Amino acid sequence: MVRNRRPGDRIRPLGGPRRRLKDLLIEKRIPRQERDRLPLLVIDGEIAWVPGVTMGERFRLEPGAKQAWVAELEPFRA
């Protein structure tokens, strides 16, 4: 599912501890007005990818993996 952030969202970014998404976005200097517009890829209730920021540790591609998902983000054109 793709959705915007919600209060209390948490993520375990690649190589890091589980933390509040809000704190991560502030640390990465994502402007406030952009934070609410960022699409989040959520799998089984867990944030898998924040485009341009990080992906979730659980969804890391392991060496020798034989399968992988590919997700692309394209701007919406009305």
C-alpha atoms as a PDB file:
ATOM      1  CA  MET A   1       0.000   0.000   0.000  1.00  0.00           C
ATOM      2  CA  VAL A   2       1.155   3.550  -0.651  1.00  0.00           C
ATOM      3  CA  ARG A   3       0.088   6.228   1.807  1.00  0.00           C
ATOM      4  CA  ASN A   4       1.240   9.437   3.452  1.00  0.00           C
ATOM      5  CA  ARG A   5       2.705   9.554   6.930  1.00  0.00           C
ATOM      6  CA  ARG A   6       0.545   9.282  10.020  1.00  0.00           C
ATOM      7  CA  PRO A   7       1.113  10.403  13.597  1.00  0.00           C
ATOM      8  CA  GLY A   8       3.240   7.855  15.440  1.00  0.00           C
ATOM      9  CA  ASP A   9       4.731   6.206  12.324  1.00  0.00           C
ATOM     10  CA  ARG A  10       7.971   4.365  13.064  1.00  0.00           C
ATOM     11  CA  ILE A  11      10.621   2.865  10.818  1.00  0.00           C
ATOM     12  CA  ARG A  12      13.814   0.866  11.258  1.00  0.00           C
ATOM     13  CA  PRO A  13      15.980   2.469   8.552  1.00  0.00           C
ATOM     14  CA  LEU A  14      18.825   0.582   6.886  1.00  0.00           C
ATOM     15  CA  GLY A  15      21.542  -0.055   9.437  1.00  0.00           C
ATOM     16  CA  GLY A  16      19.789   1.839  12.198  1.00  0.00           C
ATOM     17  CA  PRO A  17      17.537   1.396  15.206  1.00  0.00           C
ATOM     18  CA  ARG A  18      13.748   1.652  15.116  1.00  0.00           C
ATOM     19  CA  ARG A  19      12.710   5.289  15.455  1.00  0.00           C
ATOM     20  CA  ARG A  20       9.961   7.790  14.838  1.00  0.00           C
ATOM     21  CA  LEU A  21       9.602   8.672  11.164  1.00  0.00           C
ATOM     22  CA  LYS A  22       9.091  12.322  12.092  1.00  0.00           C
ATOM     23  CA  ASP A  23      12.502  12.438  13.812  1.00  0.00           C
ATOM     24  CA  LEU A  24      14.214  10.764  10.852  1.00  0.00           C
ATOM     25  CA  LEU A  25      12.697  13.232   8.373  1.00  0.00           C
ATOM     26  CA  ILE A  26      13.769  16.179  10.528  1.00  0.00           C
ATOM     27  CA  GLU A  27      17.303  14.737  10.796  1.00  0.00           C
ATOM     28  CA  LYS A  28      17.425  14.337   6.995  1.00  0.00           C
ATOM     29  CA  ARG A  29      16.342  17.998   6.706  1.00  0.00           C
ATOM     30  CA  ILE A  30      13.174  17.253   4.756  1.00  0.00           C
ATOM     31  CA  PRO A  31      11.167  20.517   4.847  1.00  0.00           C
ATOM     32  CA  ARG A  32       7.949  20.341   6.880  1.00  0.00           C
ATOM     33  CA  GLN A  33       5.700  21.017   3.868  1.00  0.00           C
ATOM     34  CA  GLU A  34       7.295  18.089   1.990  1.00  0.00           C
ATOM     35  CA  ARG A  35       7.051  15.600   4.876  1.00  0.00           C
ATOM     36  CA  ASP A  36       3.276  15.285   4.586  1.00  0.00           C
ATOM     37  CA  ARG A  37       3.487  14.797   0.813  1.00  0.00           C
ATOM     38  CA  LEU A  38       6.067  11.996   0.858  1.00  0.00           C
ATOM     39  CA  PRO A  39       4.590   8.693  -0.290  1.00  0.00           C
ATOM     40  CA  LEU A  40       5.385   5.727   1.947  1.00  0.00           C
ATOM     41  CA  LEU A  41       5.427   2.150   0.677  1.00  0.00           C
ATOM     42  CA  VAL A  42       3.926   0.046   3.471  1.00  0.00           C
ATOM     43  CA  ILE A  43       4.043  -3.770   3.462  1.00  0.00           C
ATOM     44  CA  ASP A  44       2.271  -5.792   6.153  1.00  0.00           C
ATOM     45  CA  GLY A  45       1.837  -2.637   8.220  1.00  0.00           C
ATOM     46  CA  GLU A  46       5.554  -1.798   8.181  1.00  0.00           C
ATOM     47  CA  ILE A  47       7.147   1.099   6.295  1.00  0.00           C
ATOM     48  CA  ALA A  48       9.294  -0.497   3.599  1.00  0.00           C
ATOM     49  CA  TRP A  49      10.419   2.575   1.656  1.00  0.00           C
ATOM     50  CA  VAL A  50      10.480   6.344   1.991  1.00  0.00           C
ATOM     51  CA  PRO A  51      11.520   7.480  -1.518  1.00  0.00           C
ATOM     52  CA  GLY A  52      14.632   9.626  -1.508  1.00  0.00           C
ATOM     53  CA  VAL A  53      15.196   9.012   2.214  1.00  0.00           C
ATOM     54  CA  THR A  54      15.642   5.339   3.182  1.00  0.00           C
ATOM     55  CA  MET A  55      14.169   1.881   3.103  1.00  0.00           C
ATOM     56  CA  GLY A  56      13.280  -0.360   5.997  1.00  0.00           C
ATOM     57  CA  GLU A  57      15.963  -2.723   7.309  1.00  0.00           C
ATOM     58  CA  ARG A  58      13.590  -5.709   7.040  1.00  0.00           C
ATOM     59  CA  PHE A  59      13.353  -5.127   3.282  1.00  0.00           C
ATOM     60  CA  ARG A  60      17.107  -5.005   2.629  1.00  0.00           C
ATOM     61  CA  LEU A  61      18.273  -7.085  -0.331  1.00  0.00           C
ATOM     62  CA  GLU A  62      20.536  -9.784   1.068  1.00  0.00           C
ATOM     63  CA  PRO A  63      23.629 -11.024  -0.820  1.00  0.00           C
ATOM     64  CA  GLY A  64      22.733 -14.047  -2.921  1.00  0.00           C
ATOM     65  CA  ALA A  65      19.030 -13.194  -3.017  1.00  0.00           C
ATOM     66  CA  LYS A  66      17.307 -14.842  -5.958  1.00  0.00           C
ATOM     67  CA  GLN A  67      14.256 -12.582  -6.013  1.00  0.00           C
ATOM     68  CA  ALA A  68      13.647  -8.896  -5.425  1.00  0.00           C
ATOM     69  CA  TRP A  69      10.823  -6.415  -5.739  1.00  0.00           C
ATOM     70  CA  VAL A  70      11.343  -3.286  -7.811  1.00  0.00           C
ATOM     71  CA  ALA A  71       9.250  -0.200  -7.048  1.00  0.00           C
ATOM     72  CA  GLU A  72       9.333   2.946  -9.140  1.00  0.00           C
ATOM     73  CA  LEU A  73       7.843   6.300  -8.306  1.00  0.00           C
ATOM     74  CA  GLU A  74       6.429   8.462 -11.079  1.00  0.00           C
ATOM     75  CA  PRO A  75       4.762  11.858 -10.726  1.00  0.00           C
ATOM     76  CA  PHE A  76       0.988  11.858 -11.013  1.00  0.00           C
ATOM     77  CA  ARG A  77      -0.250  13.581 -14.160  1.00  0.00           C
ATOM     78  CA  ALA A  78      -3.859  14.725 -14.158  1.00  0.00           C
END
